[in-house]
C-alpha atoms as a PDB file:
ATOM      1  CA  MET A   1       0.063  -0.012   0.075  1.00  0.00           C
ATOM      2  CA  THR A   2       1.394   3.357  -1.075  1.00  0.00           C
ATOM      3  CA  ILE A   3       0.924   6.378   1.377  1.00  0.00           C
ATOM      4  CA  THR A   4       1.391   9.744  -0.061  1.00  0.00           C
ATOM      5  CA  PRO A   5       1.992  12.468   2.519  1.00  0.00           C
ATOM      6  CA  LEU A   6      -0.777  15.022   2.942  1.00  0.00           C
ATOM      7  CA  PRO A   7       0.153  18.522   1.551  1.00  0.00           C
ATOM      8  CA  PRO A   8       1.806  21.014   3.986  1.00  0.00           C
ATOM      9  CA  ILE A   9      -1.327  22.621   5.838  1.00  0.00           C
ATOM     10  CA  ASN A  10      -0.924  25.934   4.136  1.00  0.00           C
ATOM     11  CA  GLU A  11      -0.965  24.144   0.761  1.00  0.00           C
ATOM     12  CA  ASN A  12      -3.960  22.180   1.286  1.00  0.00           C
ATOM     13  CA  PRO A  13      -6.960  23.157  -0.733  1.00  0.00           C
ATOM     14  CA  LEU A  14      -9.405  23.204   2.007  1.00  0.00           C
ATOM     15  CA  ILE A  15      -7.231  25.644   3.880  1.00  0.00           C
ATOM     16  CA  THR A  16      -7.069  27.628   0.592  1.00  0.00           C
ATOM     17  CA  THR A  17     -10.882  27.505   0.436  1.00  0.00           C
ATOM     18  CA  ALA A  18     -11.395  28.446   4.180  1.00  0.00           C
ATOM     19  CA  HIS A  19      -9.290  31.658   3.511  1.00  0.00           C
ATOM     20  CA  GLN A  20     -11.421  32.401   0.512  1.00  0.00           C
ATOM     21  CA  ILE A  21     -14.440  32.213   2.444  1.00  0.00           C
ATOM     22  CA  ARG A  22     -13.479  34.476   5.130  1.00  0.00           C
ATOM     23  CA  GLN A  23     -12.231  37.098   2.523  1.00  0.00           C
ATOM     24  CA  GLN A  24     -15.483  36.800   0.651  1.00  0.00           C
ATOM     25  CA  TYR A  25     -17.608  37.161   3.739  1.00  0.00           C
ATOM     26  CA  THR A  26     -15.615  40.396   4.903  1.00  0.00           C
ATOM     27  CA  ASP A  27     -16.005  41.813   1.336  1.00  0.00           C
ATOM     28  CA  GLU A  28     -19.548  41.065   0.744  1.00  0.00           C
ATOM     29  CA  ILE A  29     -20.862  42.156   3.996  1.00  0.00           C
ATOM     30  CA  ALA A  30     -19.289  45.472   3.688  1.00  0.00           C
ATOM     31  CA  VAL A  31     -20.840  45.739   0.229  1.00  0.00           C
ATOM     32  CA  ALA A  32     -24.079  44.734   1.369  1.00  0.00           C
ATOM     33  CA  ARG A  33     -24.177  47.102   3.986  1.00  0.00           C
ATOM     34  CA  ALA A  34     -23.291  50.087   1.825  1.00  0.00           C
ATOM     35  CA  ARG A  35     -26.145  49.296  -0.503  1.00  0.00           C
ATOM     36  CA  THR A  36     -28.892  51.999  -0.710  1.00  0.00           C
ATOM     37  CA  ASP A  37     -31.309  50.196  -3.074  1.00  0.00           C
ATOM     38  CA  LEU A  38     -32.445  47.886  -0.355  1.00  0.00           C
ATOM     39  CA  ALA A  39     -34.673  48.387   2.667  1.00  0.00           C
ATOM     40  CA  ASP A  40     -33.168  47.880   5.865  1.00  0.00           C
ATOM     41  CA  LEU A  41     -35.104  44.574   6.314  1.00  0.00           C
ATOM     42  CA  GLN A  42     -33.773  43.213   3.083  1.00  0.00           C
ATOM     43  CA  LYS A  43     -30.340  44.075   4.026  1.00  0.00           C
ATOM     44  CA  ALA A  44     -30.571  42.471   7.458  1.00  0.00           C
ATOM     45  CA  GLU A  45     -31.958  39.267   5.965  1.00  0.00           C
ATOM     46  CA  ALA A  46     -29.519  38.990   3.196  1.00  0.00           C
ATOM     47  CA  ILE A  47     -26.467  39.864   5.373  1.00  0.00           C
ATOM     48  CA  ILE A  48     -27.531  37.065   7.929  1.00  0.00           C
ATOM     49  CA  ASP A  49     -28.333  34.537   5.385  1.00  0.00           C
ATOM     50  CA  PHE A  50     -25.031  35.079   3.823  1.00  0.00           C
ATOM     51  CA  TRP A  51     -23.172  34.756   7.305  1.00  0.00           C
ATOM     52  CA  ARG A  52     -25.019  31.479   7.964  1.00  0.00           C
ATOM     53  CA  ARG A  53     -24.024  30.145   4.441  1.00  0.00           C
ATOM     54  CA  CYS A  54     -20.316  30.895   4.961  1.00  0.00           C
ATOM     55  CA  ARG A  55     -20.389  29.658   8.508  1.00  0.00           C
ATOM     56  CA  ASP A  56     -21.753  26.348   7.166  1.00  0.00           C
ATOM     57  CA  ALA A  57     -19.233  26.225   4.289  1.00  0.00           C
ATOM     58  CA  LEU A  58     -16.273  26.784   6.843  1.00  0.00           C
ATOM     59  CA  ARG A  59     -17.590  24.008   8.927  1.00  0.00           C
ATOM     60  CA  LYS A  60     -18.001  21.551   6.080  1.00  0.00           C
ATOM     61  CA  ALA A  61     -14.278  22.309   5.015  1.00  0.00           C
ATOM     62  CA  GLU A  62     -13.044  22.168   8.545  1.00  0.00           C
ATOM     63  CA  ALA A  63     -14.886  18.478   8.905  1.00  0.00           C
ATOM     64  CA  GLU A  64     -13.424  17.398   5.476  1.00  0.00           C
ATOM     65  CA  LEU A  65      -9.866  18.278   6.508  1.00  0.00           C
ATOM     66  CA  ARG A  66     -10.156  16.410   9.853  1.00  0.00           C
ATOM     67  CA  GLN A  67     -11.379  13.609   7.875  1.00  0.00           C
ATOM     68  CA  GLU A  68      -8.386  13.550   5.549  1.00  0.00           C
ATOM     69  CA  TYR A  69      -6.002  13.610   8.447  1.00  0.00           C
ATOM     70  CA  ARG A  70      -8.142  10.925  10.452  1.00  0.00           C
ATOM     71  CA  ASP A  71      -7.897   8.633   7.227  1.00  0.00           C
ATOM     72  CA  GLN A  72      -4.296   9.274   6.640  1.00  0.00           C
ATOM     73  CA  HIS A  73      -3.748   8.297  10.266  1.00  0.00           C
ATOM     74  CA  ASP A  74      -5.799   5.027  10.101  1.00  0.00           C
ATOM     75  CA  ALA A  75      -4.269   4.175   6.794  1.00  0.00           C
ATOM     76  CA  ILE A  76      -0.705   4.362   8.286  1.00  0.00           C
ATOM     77  CA  ASN A  77      -1.586   2.963  11.756  1.00  0.00           C
ATOM     78  CA  GLU A  78      -2.727  -0.163  10.232  1.00  0.00           C
ATOM     79  CA  LEU A  79       0.529  -0.873   8.768  1.00  0.00           C
ATOM     80  CA  PHE A  80       2.410  -0.754  12.094  1.00  0.00           C
ATOM     81  CA  PRO A  81       2.096  -3.559  14.856  1.00  0.00           C
ATOM     82  CA  PHE A  82       0.022  -1.595  16.982  1.00  0.00           C
ATOM     83  CA  GLY A  83      -2.707  -3.384  18.968  1.00  0.00           C
ATOM     84  CA  PRO A  84      -3.510  -7.026  18.868  1.00  0.00           C
ATOM     85  CA  ASP A  85      -3.104  -9.095  15.811  1.00  0.00           C
ATOM     86  CA  ASN A  86      -6.517  -9.805  14.344  1.00  0.00           C
ATOM     87  CA  SER A  87      -5.535 -11.762  11.286  1.00  0.00           C
ATOM     88  CA  ALA A  88      -6.750 -15.180  12.511  1.00  0.00           C
ATOM     89  CA  SER A  89      -9.718 -16.179  10.419  1.00  0.00           C
ATOM     90  CA  ASN A  90     -11.099 -18.242  13.557  1.00  0.00           C
ATOM     91  CA  PRO A  91     -13.116 -15.990  16.085  1.00  0.00           C
ATOM     92  CA  ALA A  92     -11.848 -18.191  18.757  1.00  0.00           C
ATOM     93  CA  ASP A  93      -8.385 -17.770  17.903  1.00  0.00           C
ATOM     94  CA  ARG A  94      -8.746 -13.950  17.639  1.00  0.00           C
ATOM     95  CA  THR A  95     -10.288 -14.066  21.011  1.00  0.00           C
ATOM     96  CA  VAL A  96      -7.147 -15.946  22.473  1.00  0.00           C
ATOM     97  CA  MET A  97      -4.754 -13.462  20.709  1.00  0.00           C
ATOM     98  CA  GLN A  98      -6.615 -10.412  22.046  1.00  0.00           C
ATOM     99  CA  GLU A  99      -6.365 -11.824  25.582  1.00  0.00           C
ATOM    100  CA  ALA A 100      -2.906 -12.562  25.324  1.00  0.00           C
ATOM    101  CA  PHE A 101      -1.904  -9.121  23.825  1.00  0.00           C
ATOM    102  CA  HIS A 102      -3.944  -7.411  26.693  1.00  0.00           C
ATOM    103  CA  ARG A 103      -1.851  -9.258  29.261  1.00  0.00           C
ATOM    104  CA  GLN A 104       1.292  -8.325  27.637  1.00  0.00           C
ATOM    105  CA  LEU A 105      -0.095  -4.528  27.319  1.00  0.00           C
ATOM    106  CA  ASP A 106      -0.246  -4.547  31.037  1.00  0.00           C
ATOM    107  CA  VAL A 107       3.327  -5.444  31.393  1.00  0.00           C
ATOM    108  CA  ALA A 108       4.292  -3.194  28.665  1.00  0.00           C
ATOM    109  CA  ARG A 109       2.605  -0.186  30.115  1.00  0.00           C
ATOM    110  CA  GLU A 110       4.150  -0.643  33.488  1.00  0.00           C
ATOM    111  CA  ALA A 111       7.488  -0.814  31.699  1.00  0.00           C
ATOM    112  CA  GLN A 112       6.699   2.371  29.788  1.00  0.00           C
ATOM    113  CA  THR A 113       5.836   4.194  32.812  1.00  0.00           C
ATOM    114  CA  LEU A 114       9.167   3.289  34.323  1.00  0.00           C
ATOM    115  CA  ALA A 115      11.153   4.079  31.309  1.00  0.00           C
ATOM    116  CA  ALA A 116      11.358   7.832  31.996  1.00  0.00           C
ATOM    117  CA  ASN A 117      13.764   6.860  34.863  1.00  0.00           C
ATOM    118  CA  ASP A 118      14.900   3.451  34.120  1.00  0.00           C
ATOM    119  CA  PRO A 119      14.375   2.315  30.350  1.00  0.00           C
ATOM    120  CA  SER A 120      16.262  -1.044  31.065  1.00  0.00           C
ATOM    121  CA  ARG A 121      12.962  -2.985  31.784  1.00  0.00           C
ATOM    122  CA  ARG A 122      11.282  -1.904  28.573  1.00  0.00           C
ATOM    123  CA  GLN A 123      14.396  -2.498  26.558  1.00  0.00           C
ATOM    124  CA  SER A 124      14.784  -6.104  27.919  1.00  0.00           C
ATOM    125  CA  LEU A 125      11.329  -6.575  26.994  1.00  0.00           C
ATOM    126  CA  LEU A 126      11.993  -5.273  23.435  1.00  0.00           C
ATOM    127  CA  ASN A 127      15.030  -7.501  23.342  1.00  0.00           C
ATOM    128  CA  ASP A 128      13.238 -10.605  24.233  1.00  0.00           C
ATOM    129  CA  ALA A 129      10.193  -9.927  21.732  1.00  0.00           C
ATOM    130  CA  VAL A 130      12.858  -9.682  18.887  1.00  0.00           C
ATOM    131  CA  ALA A 131      14.973 -12.557  20.039  1.00  0.00           C
ATOM    132  CA  PHE A 132      12.045 -14.967  20.264  1.00  0.00           C
ATOM    133  CA  ASP A 133       9.949 -13.496  17.463  1.00  0.00           C
ATOM    134  CA  ASP A 134       7.140 -12.758  19.860  1.00  0.00           C
ATOM    135  CA  ASP A 135       4.877 -10.680  17.976  1.00  0.00           C
ATOM    136  CA  THR A 136       2.258 -10.104  20.589  1.00  0.00           C
ATOM    137  CA  LEU A 137       4.923  -8.831  23.072  1.00  0.00           C
ATOM    138  CA  LEU A 138       6.293  -6.600  20.288  1.00  0.00           C
ATOM    139  CA  ARG A 139       2.837  -5.247  19.792  1.00  0.00           C
ATOM    140  CA  ALA A 140       2.197  -4.586  23.581  1.00  0.00           C
ATOM    141  CA  ILE A 141       5.459  -2.570  23.882  1.00  0.00           C
ATOM    142  CA  LEU A 142       4.912  -0.406  20.612  1.00  0.00           C
ATOM    143  CA  THR A 143       1.168   0.254  21.307  1.00  0.00           C
ATOM    144  CA  ALA A 144       2.297   1.428  24.956  1.00  0.00           C
ATOM    145  CA  ALA A 145       4.877   3.652  23.520  1.00  0.00           C
ATOM    146  CA  SER A 146       2.470   5.106  20.991  1.00  0.00           C
ATOM    147  CA  GLN A 147      -0.228   5.580  23.648  1.00  0.00           C
ATOM    148  CA  ALA A 148       2.240   7.523  25.741  1.00  0.00           C
ATOM    149  CA  ARG A 149       3.523   9.505  22.558  1.00  0.00           C
ATOM    150  CA  ASP A 150       7.096   8.215  23.277  1.00  0.00           C
ATOM    151  CA  ASP A 151       8.150   9.355  19.810  1.00  0.00           C
ATOM    152  CA  LYS A 152      11.958   8.956  20.515  1.00  0.00           C
ATOM    153  CA  PHE A 153      11.544   5.179  21.417  1.00  0.00           C
ATOM    154  CA  LEU A 154       9.254   4.702  18.188  1.00  0.00           C
ATOM    155  CA  ARG A 155      11.753   6.489  16.113  1.00  0.00           C
ATOM    156  CA  GLY A 156      14.587   4.311  17.606  1.00  0.00           C
ATOM    157  CA  TRP A 157      12.828   1.139  16.950  1.00  0.00           C
ATOM    158  CA  ALA A 158      11.648   2.129  13.149  1.00  0.00           C
ATOM    159  CA  SER A 159      15.418   3.037  12.493  1.00  0.00           C
ATOM    160  CA  GLY A 160      16.608   0.670  10.078  1.00  0.00           C
ATOM    161  CA  ARG A 161      13.351  -0.758   9.136  1.00  0.00           C
ATOM    162  CA  PRO A 162      12.655   0.891   5.853  1.00  0.00           C
ATOM    163  CA  GLU A 163       8.809  -0.268   5.850  1.00  0.00           C
ATOM    164  CA  PHE A 164       8.265   1.896   9.008  1.00  0.00           C
ATOM    165  CA  GLU A 165      10.972   4.452   9.149  1.00  0.00           C
ATOM    166  CA  GLY A 166       9.660   6.375   6.036  1.00  0.00           C
ATOM    167  CA  LEU A 167       6.074   6.294   7.393  1.00  0.00           C
ATOM    168  CA  LEU A 168       6.573   7.060  10.965  1.00  0.00           C
ATOM    169  CA  PRO A 169       7.031  10.845  10.448  1.00  0.00           C
ATOM    170  CA  GLU A 170       3.874  10.972   8.502  1.00  0.00           C
ATOM    171  CA  LEU A 171       2.062   8.919  11.216  1.00  0.00           C
ATOM    172  CA  LEU A 172       3.294  11.311  13.977  1.00  0.00           C
ATOM    173  CA  ARG A 173       2.482  14.394  12.122  1.00  0.00           C
ATOM    174  CA  VAL A 174      -1.056  13.543  11.543  1.00  0.00           C
ATOM    175  CA  ARG A 175      -1.562  12.207  14.912  1.00  0.00           C
ATOM    176  CA  GLU A 176      -0.416  15.477  16.454  1.00  0.00           C
ATOM    177  CA  PHE A 177      -2.579  17.412  14.298  1.00  0.00           C
ATOM    178  CA  LEU A 178      -5.711  15.338  15.345  1.00  0.00           C
ATOM    179  CA  ILE A 179      -4.851  15.885  19.252  1.00  0.00           C
ATOM    180  CA  GLY A 180      -4.437  19.640  18.690  1.00  0.00           C
ATOM    181  CA  LEU A 181      -0.763  19.675  19.467  1.00  0.00           C
ATOM    182  CA  SER A 182       1.072  20.809  16.325  1.00  0.00           C
ATOM    183  CA  ALA A 183       1.632  24.182  14.477  1.00  0.00           C
ATOM    184  CA  GLU A 184      -0.445  22.781  11.668  1.00  0.00           C
ATOM    185  CA  ALA A 185      -3.294  22.197  14.238  1.00  0.00           C
ATOM    186  CA  LEU A 186      -2.948  25.762  15.211  1.00  0.00           C
ATOM    187  CA  ILE A 187      -3.016  27.157  11.765  1.00  0.00           C
ATOM    188  CA  ALA A 188      -6.299  25.185  11.095  1.00  0.00           C
ATOM    189  CA  HIS A 189      -7.771  26.470  14.505  1.00  0.00           C
ATOM    190  CA  GLN A 190      -7.404  30.125  13.360  1.00  0.00           C
ATOM    191  CA  VAL A 191      -8.448  29.473   9.819  1.00  0.00           C
ATOM    192  CA  PHE A 192     -11.603  27.928  10.795  1.00  0.00           C
ATOM    193  CA  ALA A 193     -12.298  29.996  13.774  1.00  0.00           C
ATOM    194  CA  PRO A 194     -16.007  31.250  14.038  1.00  0.00           C
ATOM    195  CA  LEU A 195     -16.903  34.067  11.542  1.00  0.00           C
ATOM    196  CA  GLU A 196     -17.777  37.245  13.513  1.00  0.00           C
ATOM    197  CA  GLU A 197     -21.459  37.264  13.451  1.00  0.00           C
ATOM    198  CA  PRO A 198     -23.123  40.508  12.015  1.00  0.00           C
ATOM    199  CA  THR A 199     -24.502  41.573  15.401  1.00  0.00           C
ATOM    200  CA  ARG A 200     -26.006  44.879  14.103  1.00  0.00           C
ATOM    201  CA  GLU A 201     -28.231  42.969  11.573  1.00  0.00           C
ATOM    202  CA  VAL A 202     -28.957  40.128  13.999  1.00  0.00           C
ATOM    203  CA  GLU A 203     -30.200  42.597  16.861  1.00  0.00           C
ATOM    204  CA  ASP A 204     -32.150  44.766  14.389  1.00  0.00           C
ATOM    205  CA  LEU A 205     -34.018  41.945  12.589  1.00  0.00           C
ATOM    206  CA  PRO A 206     -36.680  41.242  15.358  1.00  0.00           C
ATOM    207  CA  ARG A 207     -37.720  45.025  15.370  1.00  0.00           C
ATOM    208  CA  LEU A 208     -37.584  45.141  11.396  1.00  0.00           C
ATOM    209  CA  GLU A 209     -39.649  42.025  11.200  1.00  0.00           C
ATOM    210  CA  ARG A 210     -42.352  43.520  13.504  1.00  0.00           C
ATOM    211  CA  ALA A 211     -42.305  46.688  11.605  1.00  0.00           C
ATOM    212  CA  ARG A 212     -43.045  44.770   8.237  1.00  0.00           C
ATOM    213  CA  ASP A 213     -45.807  42.945   9.826  1.00  0.00           C
ATOM    214  CA  ALA A 214     -47.529  45.858  11.400  1.00  0.00           C
ATOM    215  CA  ALA A 215     -47.329  47.593   8.050  1.00  0.00           C
ATOM    216  CA  GLU A 216     -48.854  44.660   6.123  1.00  0.00           C
ATOM    217  CA  ALA A 217     -51.492  44.417   8.922  1.00  0.00           C
ATOM    218  CA  GLU A 218     -52.311  48.000   8.341  1.00  0.00           C
ATOM    219  CA  MET A 219     -52.518  47.867   4.626  1.00  0.00           C
ATOM    220  CA  ALA A 220     -54.834  44.775   4.967  1.00  0.00           C
ATOM    221  CA  ALA A 221     -56.969  46.536   7.344  1.00  0.00           C
ATOM    222  CA  GLN A 222     -57.164  49.542   4.941  1.00  0.00           C
ATOM    223  CA  ARG A 223     -58.201  47.224   2.189  1.00  0.00           C
ATOM    224  CA  ARG A 224     -61.025  45.929   4.274  1.00  0.00           C
ATOM    225  CA  GLY A 225     -62.156  49.447   5.293  1.00  0.00           C
ATOM    226  CA  ARG A 226     -61.466  49.016   8.891  1.00  0.00           C
ATOM    227  CA  PRO A 227     -59.009  50.991  10.957  1.00  0.00           C
ATOM    228  CA  GLN A 228     -56.154  49.117  12.506  1.00  0.00           C
ATOM    229  CA  VAL A 229     -54.739  49.988  15.653  1.00  0.00           C
ATOM    230  CA  VAL A 230     -51.013  50.167  15.420  1.00  0.00           C
ATOM    231  CA  ASP A 231     -48.427  50.293  18.066  1.00  0.00           C
ATOM    232  CA  PRO A 232     -47.029  53.940  18.030  1.00  0.00           C
ATOM    233  CA  ASN A 233     -43.607  52.836  19.190  1.00  0.00           C
ATOM    234  CA  LEU A 234     -43.022  50.694  16.140  1.00  0.00           C
ATOM    235  CA  PRO A 235     -41.275  52.251  13.011  1.00  0.00           C
ATOM    236  CA  THR A 236     -43.298  52.405   9.849  1.00  0.00           C
ATOM    237  CA  PHE A 237     -42.146  51.934   6.335  1.00  0.00           C
ATOM    238  CA  GLY A 238     -41.716  55.204   4.374  1.00  0.00           C
ATOM    239  CA  VAL A 239     -42.474  55.706   0.681  1.00  0.00           C
ATOM    240  CA  ALA A 240     -39.358  54.703  -0.637  1.00  0.00           C
ATOM    241  CA  GLY A 241     -39.330  51.339   1.412  1.00  0.00           C
ATOM    242  CA  GLY A 242     -36.958  52.222   4.189  1.00  0.00           C
ATOM    243  CA  VAL A 243     -37.343  52.241   7.798  1.00  0.00           C
ATOM    244  CA  ARG A 244     -38.079  55.588   9.864  1.00  0.00           C
END
């Protein structure tokens, strides 16, 4: 299976799309607010609708980017001896192998915890796993190191193993992105930050809608030939269609 590294974050088309969405939002909101051919209600509705569409487009792009990184992580992770070996076709055999793996994982995690001060126990386990071709023990040791984000140990193990050495940097890169601890994750967080809500229009919209409804009710009453009581505190629509 060939793994192609993901492009640098600033060259990812989804990041480019997000930048374009943000710029378009800023530009078009300014243009919309400056228009004089629309009533205030029409402008508010159009601006809020555009904000929502841009917000949703950003969320969609962000979800697609995270899925790209998640798929990349899963594809590479499957190539490494992490977790139990589930290759047995017989369910009973798979159960036995999983139970054996979890017993060894407890041992490996204890050695991993001690490794910061005394790595000899973990190294001894690794030596045994290699010497006796103990795949279950090897998987437990590497899984414990991966879960602890002991990248130095993983690099040492992968060194000299071409099938893993070239893939490990990409695996670590996408892992750090997904848990939000890399420079790429910070860039994505900034690019996909929520768009600033058009507060003016959001706050004005209920008042403008009430004014429209009152004007429509007044016109309907006039057509029926009956006076309509209108709240004097509500704005009324002028001849030009604006609000006064």
